[in-house]
């Protein structure tokens, strides 16, 4: 049986370059970066180099990069930190969208309990927010706009540069959760007027448990963790040196090959869309073109998403029905509901996320396996029977 890994939005395999780079920092270069002797200073220099690599990839400065345990931590730090800064000035209003990752939405819910007000902007059926809606939502009380760069479920890319320019004009901080975008699309935080940006290494072939927050110089966020001088005193704790080294290598490798990888992965995704769209009663979720190159998201009526995933797994295909963080939930995706899908349609969602490691043979195998699985599930579905009966009535 063929094996196809098509859930790269959940996590990616660690690249060989990253593995080769991090092993020495778990063996001979194991020192604590805060130590003054040479083995510690070797580790310290490695952390500095990785910080420079991340900064270069984002068009940032080295001092603007703070290492974290991943994207969720970076999101929490940026949002809660900006809220605290706003509160000092009497500004307690935040703006986001209804399709954010739960690391953002749950943080917003927590802040609401603390007396902040939050505006949750709608997106349209293409999964994209309108800049004019952001502008209308900004008030004199607004301290932060946080809008994700690219959605983790439907892959749609937001007008980040335009929103950044608007926020700069209005004097409002702008944060973007770019966990799905970094390493896959070109980003320049200065040109796009991004004040803060979150990223996570395991989305572009680094290890899990390491990420970063870009925070524009001049923004003094409250300390995240007290206890030491690490991360310029903002996040105490001995650095995850192997993870940080791997993050630097991975982001450099991804950005050096970004055009080539983008073209290859987009072609594979389009091949998938073309084939899967031939299945009746199916629809593409989100904008057809303005999306991440490797993101395939479709709904198939009369199909239950969890059953679809299990049957694909039996054929050796790793897929998802949405965000990996909520894969255990039986509720329909909040993202799919936000773009206007009915509950019964949203339940039949399938997300495939491809990387440069995938091949045309992988795509062809998916397209060979997928239609019969959907046919089988529909044969067992009372909902599908109801859909077919309704169509007969309408055609009569």
Protein backbone atom coordinates (compact mmCIF):
# COMPACT_ATOMS: atom_id res chain seq x y z
CA UNK A 1 0.00 0.00 0.00
CA UNK A 2 1.25 3.46 -0.89
CA UNK A 3 1.90 5.97 1.91
CA UNK A 4 1.13 9.65 1.30
CA UNK A 5 1.70 12.33 3.92
CA UNK A 6 -0.65 15.22 3.06
CA UNK A 7 -1.06 17.02 6.38
CA UNK A 8 1.86 19.44 6.31
CA UNK A 9 -0.28 22.25 7.78
CA UNK A 10 -0.40 20.17 10.97
CA UNK A 11 3.34 19.53 11.01
CA UNK A 12 6.18 18.87 8.58
CA UNK A 13 8.93 16.27 8.64
CA UNK A 14 12.23 17.65 9.86
CA UNK A 15 14.60 18.25 6.95
CA UNK A 16 17.93 16.47 6.70
CA UNK A 17 19.82 19.78 6.87
CA UNK A 18 18.08 20.59 10.14
CA UNK A 19 18.80 17.16 11.63
CA UNK A 20 22.48 17.42 10.65
CA UNK A 21 22.69 20.94 12.11
CA UNK A 22 21.13 20.20 15.49
CA UNK A 23 22.86 16.94 16.41
CA UNK A 24 26.16 18.61 17.39
CA UNK A 25 24.24 20.85 19.82
CA UNK A 26 22.96 17.76 21.61
CA UNK A 27 26.42 16.15 21.76
CA UNK A 28 29.71 18.08 21.76
CA UNK A 29 28.21 21.61 21.76
CA UNK A 30 25.80 20.97 24.63
CA UNK A 31 26.77 23.97 26.76
CA UNK A 32 24.45 26.47 28.40
CA UNK A 33 24.57 29.72 26.34
CA UNK A 34 24.75 31.76 29.54
CA UNK A 35 28.04 30.11 30.58
CA UNK A 36 31.28 32.03 30.07
CA UNK A 37 33.48 29.07 29.14
CA UNK A 38 33.94 28.03 25.52
CA UNK A 39 31.42 25.20 25.25
CA UNK A 40 28.76 27.60 26.48
CA UNK A 41 29.89 30.39 24.20
CA UNK A 42 29.73 28.06 21.19
CA UNK A 43 26.08 27.50 22.02
CA UNK A 44 25.57 31.25 22.54
CA UNK A 45 27.02 32.05 19.13
CA UNK A 46 24.75 29.45 17.56
CA UNK A 47 21.69 31.12 19.10
CA UNK A 48 22.88 34.50 17.80
CA UNK A 49 23.36 33.09 14.31
CA UNK A 50 19.87 31.59 14.32
CA UNK A 51 18.41 34.91 15.44
CA UNK A 52 20.15 36.58 12.52
CA UNK A 53 18.79 33.94 10.13
CA UNK A 54 15.21 34.46 11.30
CA UNK A 55 15.59 38.23 11.12
CA UNK A 56 16.95 38.05 7.57
CA UNK A 57 14.09 35.82 6.45
CA UNK A 58 11.52 38.35 7.73
CA UNK A 59 13.28 41.57 6.75
CA UNK A 60 13.70 42.37 10.44
CA UNK A 61 16.56 43.28 12.74
CA UNK A 62 18.25 40.73 15.00
CA UNK A 63 17.17 42.49 18.21
CA UNK A 64 13.52 42.26 17.10
CA UNK A 65 13.44 38.44 17.21
CA UNK A 66 12.46 36.64 20.41
CA UNK A 67 12.52 32.84 20.51
CA UNK A 68 9.49 31.04 21.96
CA UNK A 69 8.19 27.49 22.26
CA UNK A 70 6.03 27.98 19.16
CA UNK A 71 3.29 29.99 17.51
CA UNK A 72 0.69 29.73 20.26
CA UNK A 73 3.06 31.17 22.84
CA UNK A 74 4.06 33.95 20.45
CA UNK A 75 0.39 34.78 19.77
CA UNK A 76 -0.40 34.91 23.49
CA UNK A 77 2.61 37.09 24.25
CA UNK A 78 1.92 39.56 21.45
CA UNK A 79 -1.81 39.93 22.11
CA UNK A 80 -1.74 40.03 25.91
CA UNK A 81 1.30 42.28 25.81
CA UNK A 82 -0.33 44.74 23.41
CA UNK A 83 -3.50 44.68 25.50
CA UNK A 84 -1.51 45.53 28.62
CA UNK A 85 0.19 48.42 26.83
CA UNK A 86 -3.17 49.65 25.59
CA UNK A 87 -4.75 49.44 29.02
CA UNK A 88 -2.08 51.75 30.42
CA UNK A 89 -3.30 54.37 27.94
CA UNK A 90 -6.96 53.68 28.63
CA UNK A 91 -7.39 51.79 25.36
CA UNK A 92 -9.08 48.42 25.81
CA UNK A 93 -10.49 47.55 22.37
CA UNK A 94 -9.05 44.84 20.11
CA UNK A 95 -9.93 43.75 16.59
CA UNK A 96 -9.57 40.31 15.03
CA UNK A 97 -11.48 38.02 12.66
CA UNK A 98 -13.82 35.10 13.16
CA UNK A 99 -11.45 32.66 11.42
CA UNK A 100 -8.36 33.03 13.60
CA UNK A 101 -6.52 30.10 15.17
CA UNK A 102 -7.77 29.24 18.65
CA UNK A 103 -4.51 30.54 20.11
CA UNK A 104 -5.84 33.97 19.14
CA UNK A 105 -9.56 33.42 19.74
CA UNK A 106 -9.12 31.89 23.18
CA UNK A 107 -6.72 34.67 24.17
CA UNK A 108 -9.32 37.21 23.08
CA UNK A 109 -11.96 35.43 25.16
CA UNK A 110 -9.69 35.63 28.20
CA UNK A 111 -9.13 39.35 27.68
CA UNK A 112 -12.88 39.92 27.38
CA UNK A 113 -13.26 38.45 30.86
CA UNK A 114 -10.71 41.01 32.03
CA UNK A 115 -12.75 43.94 30.75
CA UNK A 116 -11.49 44.34 27.19
CA UNK A 117 -13.88 44.59 24.25
CA UNK A 118 -13.20 42.65 21.06
CA UNK A 119 -14.57 43.14 17.56
CA UNK A 120 -14.68 39.88 15.58
CA UNK A 121 -14.74 40.80 11.90
CA UNK A 122 -16.60 38.72 9.35
CA UNK A 123 -14.85 37.27 6.37
CA UNK A 124 -16.67 36.75 3.11
CA UNK A 125 -17.41 33.52 1.27
CA UNK A 126 -13.90 33.60 -0.17
CA UNK A 127 -12.46 33.58 3.36
CA UNK A 128 -10.88 37.03 3.10
CA UNK A 129 -11.50 40.07 5.29
CA UNK A 130 -12.05 43.46 3.68
CA UNK A 131 -9.67 46.28 4.59
CA UNK A 132 -12.57 48.73 4.73
CA UNK A 133 -14.20 46.57 7.42
CA UNK A 134 -11.01 46.80 9.47
CA UNK A 135 -10.98 50.56 9.04
CA UNK A 136 -14.62 50.91 10.13
CA UNK A 137 -13.93 48.85 13.25
CA UNK A 138 -10.99 50.95 14.46
CA UNK A 139 -11.91 53.47 17.15
CA UNK A 140 -10.02 55.82 19.45
CA UNK A 141 -10.06 52.98 22.00
CA UNK A 142 -8.40 50.40 19.73
CA UNK A 143 -5.01 49.18 20.94
CA UNK A 144 -4.44 46.20 18.61
CA UNK A 145 -5.51 44.67 15.32
CA UNK A 146 -4.54 41.00 15.00
CA UNK A 147 -5.34 39.23 11.74
CA UNK A 148 -3.74 35.99 10.60
CA UNK A 149 -1.54 36.04 7.51
CA UNK A 150 -2.92 32.81 6.06
CA UNK A 151 -5.65 30.58 7.41
CA UNK A 152 -4.63 27.16 8.73
CA UNK A 153 -7.77 25.43 7.44
CA UNK A 154 -8.71 26.99 4.12
CA UNK A 155 -5.37 28.58 3.27
CA UNK A 156 -6.69 32.01 2.30
CA UNK A 157 -4.15 34.83 2.43
CA UNK A 158 -5.28 38.13 3.92
CA UNK A 159 -4.38 41.63 2.60
CA UNK A 160 -1.68 42.02 5.20
CA UNK A 161 0.26 44.91 3.62
CA UNK A 162 -2.91 46.97 3.20
CA UNK A 163 -4.04 46.27 6.78
CA UNK A 164 -0.54 47.10 8.03
CA UNK A 165 -0.55 50.43 6.20
CA UNK A 166 -3.99 51.23 7.62
CA UNK A 167 -2.93 50.45 11.18
CA UNK A 168 0.21 52.54 10.81
CA UNK A 169 -1.91 55.46 9.58
CA UNK A 170 -4.30 55.06 12.51
CA UNK A 171 -1.54 54.62 15.08
CA UNK A 172 -2.73 51.14 16.09
CA UNK A 173 -0.47 48.14 16.68
CA UNK A 174 -0.79 45.35 14.10
CA UNK A 175 0.00 41.71 14.85
CA UNK A 176 -0.28 38.79 12.46
CA UNK A 177 -0.27 35.08 13.20
CA UNK A 178 1.94 33.98 10.31
CA UNK A 179 2.46 30.40 11.49
CA UNK A 180 1.13 28.93 8.23
CA UNK A 181 2.74 31.55 5.99
CA UNK A 182 6.38 31.78 7.04
CA UNK A 183 8.59 29.73 4.75
CA UNK A 184 5.83 29.40 2.15
CA UNK A 185 5.21 32.98 1.00
CA UNK A 186 7.53 35.97 0.92
CA UNK A 187 7.26 38.23 3.96
CA UNK A 188 8.88 41.58 4.71
CA UNK A 189 7.73 42.99 8.03
CA UNK A 190 9.02 46.48 7.27
CA UNK A 191 7.46 46.80 3.82
CA UNK A 192 4.19 45.32 5.08
CA UNK A 193 4.07 47.51 8.20
CA UNK A 194 3.79 44.51 10.53
CA UNK A 195 4.47 45.42 14.15
CA UNK A 196 4.45 41.86 15.54
CA UNK A 197 4.50 38.45 13.88
CA UNK A 198 4.26 34.91 15.23
CA UNK A 199 5.87 31.84 13.66
CA UNK A 200 6.43 28.17 14.46
CA UNK A 201 9.32 26.06 13.23
CA UNK A 202 7.55 22.76 12.73
CA UNK A 203 5.47 24.24 9.92
CA UNK A 204 8.56 24.54 7.69
CA UNK A 205 10.69 21.50 8.51
CA UNK A 206 12.21 22.53 11.84
CA UNK A 207 11.47 20.62 15.04
CA UNK A 208 8.38 20.97 17.19
CA UNK A 209 8.55 23.13 20.31
CA UNK A 210 10.37 26.13 18.88
CA UNK A 211 9.08 29.34 17.35
CA UNK A 212 9.60 33.06 17.43
CA UNK A 213 7.92 36.41 17.91
CA UNK A 214 9.00 39.36 15.80
CA UNK A 215 8.38 42.54 17.77
CA UNK A 216 9.24 45.86 16.12
CA UNK A 217 11.82 47.86 18.04
CA UNK A 218 10.17 50.56 20.08
CA UNK A 219 7.39 48.24 21.25
CA UNK A 220 8.24 47.26 24.81
CA UNK A 221 6.10 44.24 25.63
CA UNK A 222 5.77 43.14 29.27
CA UNK A 223 8.08 40.28 30.21
CA UNK A 224 6.62 36.88 29.43
CA UNK A 225 8.65 34.87 31.95
CA UNK A 226 10.64 36.28 34.86
CA UNK A 227 13.83 34.75 36.15
CA UNK A 228 16.81 35.39 33.89
CA UNK A 229 18.43 37.51 31.22
CA UNK A 230 17.56 35.28 28.27
CA UNK A 231 15.79 36.91 25.29
CA UNK A 232 16.90 40.35 26.49
CA UNK A 233 15.26 39.66 29.83
CA UNK A 234 11.84 39.21 28.28
CA UNK A 235 11.55 35.41 28.39
CA UNK A 236 13.63 33.79 31.08
CA UNK A 237 14.77 30.18 30.87
CA UNK A 238 17.70 28.33 29.34
CA UNK A 239 17.39 28.39 25.57
CA UNK A 240 16.38 25.36 23.53
CA UNK A 241 19.64 25.55 21.59
CA UNK A 242 19.13 22.55 19.25
CA UNK A 243 15.62 23.70 18.41
CA UNK A 244 16.72 27.29 17.83
CA UNK A 245 19.62 26.18 15.61
CA UNK A 246 17.22 24.04 13.61
CA UNK A 247 14.77 26.92 13.28
CA UNK A 248 17.45 29.13 11.79
CA UNK A 249 18.56 26.48 9.30
CA UNK A 250 14.98 25.60 8.33
CA UNK A 251 13.80 29.16 7.72
CA UNK A 252 16.90 29.90 5.65
CA UNK A 253 16.43 26.75 3.58
CA UNK A 254 12.74 27.48 3.05
CA UNK A 255 13.30 31.08 1.98
CA UNK A 256 16.19 30.25 -0.35
CA UNK A 257 13.94 27.83 -2.25
CA UNK A 258 10.64 29.65 -1.82
CA UNK A 259 9.95 30.43 -5.50
CA UNK A 260 10.80 26.92 -6.70
CA UNK A 261 8.82 25.26 -3.91
CA UNK A 262 5.85 27.58 -4.39
CA UNK A 263 5.57 26.76 -8.08
CA UNK A 264 5.91 23.01 -7.54
CA UNK A 265 3.45 22.77 -4.66
CA UNK A 266 0.88 25.04 -6.31
CA UNK A 267 0.91 22.85 -9.41
CA UNK A 268 0.27 19.77 -7.27
CA UNK A 269 -2.55 21.52 -5.42
CA UNK A 270 -4.19 22.64 -8.67
CA UNK A 271 -3.96 19.08 -9.97
CA UNK A 272 -5.79 17.94 -6.84
CA UNK A 273 -8.48 20.61 -7.19
CA UNK A 274 -9.04 19.75 -10.83
CA UNK A 275 -9.50 16.06 -10.12
CA UNK A 276 -11.52 16.33 -6.90
CA UNK A 277 -13.86 18.96 -8.35
CA UNK A 278 -15.21 16.28 -10.69
CA UNK A 279 -16.86 14.64 -7.68
CA UNK A 280 -20.50 15.69 -7.56
CA UNK A 281 -21.81 17.94 -4.81
CA UNK A 282 -18.36 19.18 -3.86
CA UNK A 283 -17.07 22.70 -3.31
CA UNK A 284 -13.72 24.41 -2.83
CA UNK A 285 -13.42 26.27 0.46
CA UNK A 286 -11.92 29.73 0.29
CA UNK A 287 -10.52 31.74 -2.58
CA UNK A 288 -9.41 29.54 -5.48
CA UNK A 289 -6.16 31.40 -6.14
CA UNK A 290 -5.39 33.73 -3.22
CA UNK A 291 -4.36 30.94 -0.89
CA UNK A 292 -1.28 29.09 0.32
CA UNK A 293 0.31 27.07 -2.47
CA UNK A 294 -0.11 23.71 -0.74
CA UNK A 295 -3.57 24.16 0.76
CA UNK A 296 -6.43 22.03 -0.58
CA UNK A 297 -9.74 22.39 1.26
CA UNK A 298 -13.02 21.03 -0.05
CA UNK A 299 -16.37 19.91 1.30
CA UNK A 300 -18.26 16.89 0.03
CA UNK A 301 -21.98 16.83 0.78
CA UNK A 302 -23.44 13.74 2.39
CA UNK A 303 -20.11 12.74 3.90
CA UNK A 304 -18.97 12.79 7.53
CA UNK A 305 -15.43 14.17 7.78
CA UNK A 306 -14.15 11.86 10.51
CA UNK A 307 -15.18 8.75 8.58
CA UNK A 308 -13.53 10.16 5.48
CA UNK A 309 -10.25 10.64 7.35
CA UNK A 310 -10.32 7.14 8.80
CA UNK A 311 -10.93 5.56 5.40
CA UNK A 312 -8.17 7.62 3.82
CA UNK A 313 -5.86 6.49 6.62
CA UNK A 314 -6.72 2.88 5.79
CA UNK A 315 -5.41 3.63 2.30
CA UNK A 316 -2.19 5.14 3.68
CA UNK A 317 -3.17 8.80 3.23
CA UNK A 318 -2.62 11.25 6.12
CA UNK A 319 -5.18 14.05 5.90
CA UNK A 320 -7.21 16.38 8.10
CA UNK A 321 -10.69 17.83 8.27
CA UNK A 322 -9.38 21.16 9.54
CA UNK A 323 -7.06 22.40 12.23
CA UNK A 324 -4.89 19.77 13.92
CA UNK A 325 -5.51 21.53 17.23
CA UNK A 326 -9.22 20.64 17.11
CA UNK A 327 -9.07 17.28 15.35
CA UNK A 328 -10.69 15.60 18.36
CA UNK A 329 -13.76 17.84 18.19
CA UNK A 330 -17.03 16.70 16.61
CA UNK A 331 -18.17 20.29 16.08
CA UNK A 332 -17.96 21.73 12.56
CA UNK A 333 -15.07 24.08 11.87
CA UNK A 334 -15.62 27.67 13.03
CA UNK A 335 -13.75 28.74 9.89
CA UNK A 336 -16.13 26.95 7.53
CA UNK A 337 -19.15 28.30 9.39
CA UNK A 338 -17.65 31.80 9.17
CA UNK A 339 -17.52 31.61 5.36
CA UNK A 340 -21.21 30.75 5.30
CA UNK A 341 -21.34 26.96 5.07
CA UNK A 342 -24.21 25.07 6.67
CA UNK A 343 -23.37 22.68 9.49
CA UNK A 344 -24.16 19.58 7.45
CA UNK A 345 -21.89 20.75 4.62
CA UNK A 346 -19.05 21.82 6.90
CA UNK A 347 -19.05 18.36 8.51
CA UNK A 348 -17.91 16.91 5.18
CA UNK A 349 -14.68 18.90 4.94
CA UNK A 350 -11.31 17.58 3.85
CA UNK A 351 -8.02 19.44 4.15
CA UNK A 352 -4.95 18.19 2.33
CA UNK A 353 -1.79 20.24 2.76
CA UNK A 354 1.10 19.48 0.45
CA UNK A 355 4.80 20.25 0.61
CA UNK A 356 7.70 20.13 -1.82
CA UNK A 357 8.23 16.52 -0.69
CA UNK A 358 4.99 15.45 -2.37
CA UNK A 359 4.86 14.21 -5.95
CA UNK A 360 2.46 13.94 -8.87
CA UNK A 361 2.22 10.24 -8.06
CA UNK A 362 1.00 11.14 -4.57
CA UNK A 363 -1.70 13.37 -6.03
CA UNK A 364 -2.77 10.76 -8.56
CA UNK A 365 -3.04 8.15 -5.82
CA UNK A 366 -5.23 10.46 -3.73
CA UNK A 367 -7.47 11.09 -6.73
CA UNK A 368 -7.66 7.36 -7.37
CA UNK A 369 -8.67 6.57 -3.80
CA UNK A 370 -10.87 9.54 -2.88
CA UNK A 371 -13.92 9.14 -5.21
CA UNK A 372 -14.69 5.51 -4.27
CA UNK A 373 -14.40 6.34 -0.58
CA UNK A 374 -16.86 9.21 -0.94
CA UNK A 375 -19.22 6.97 -2.93
CA UNK A 376 -19.09 4.33 -0.21
CA UNK A 377 -19.72 6.84 2.57
CA UNK A 378 -22.64 8.35 0.67
CA UNK A 379 -24.18 4.94 0.21
CA UNK A 380 -24.32 4.63 4.01
CA UNK A 381 -25.47 8.19 4.66
CA UNK A 382 -29.09 9.09 5.50
CA UNK A 383 -28.18 12.71 4.78
CA UNK A 384 -27.09 11.83 1.24
CA UNK A 385 -30.33 9.95 0.71
CA UNK A 386 -32.22 13.05 1.83
CA UNK A 387 -30.18 15.24 -0.56
CA UNK A 388 -30.96 12.95 -3.48
CA UNK A 389 -34.67 12.84 -2.64
CA UNK A 390 -34.79 16.64 -2.40
CA UNK A 391 -33.17 16.91 -5.83
CA UNK A 392 -35.75 14.58 -7.36
CA UNK A 393 -38.54 16.74 -5.94
CA UNK A 394 -36.95 19.90 -7.30
CA UNK A 395 -36.49 18.34 -10.75
CA UNK A 396 -40.07 17.08 -10.90
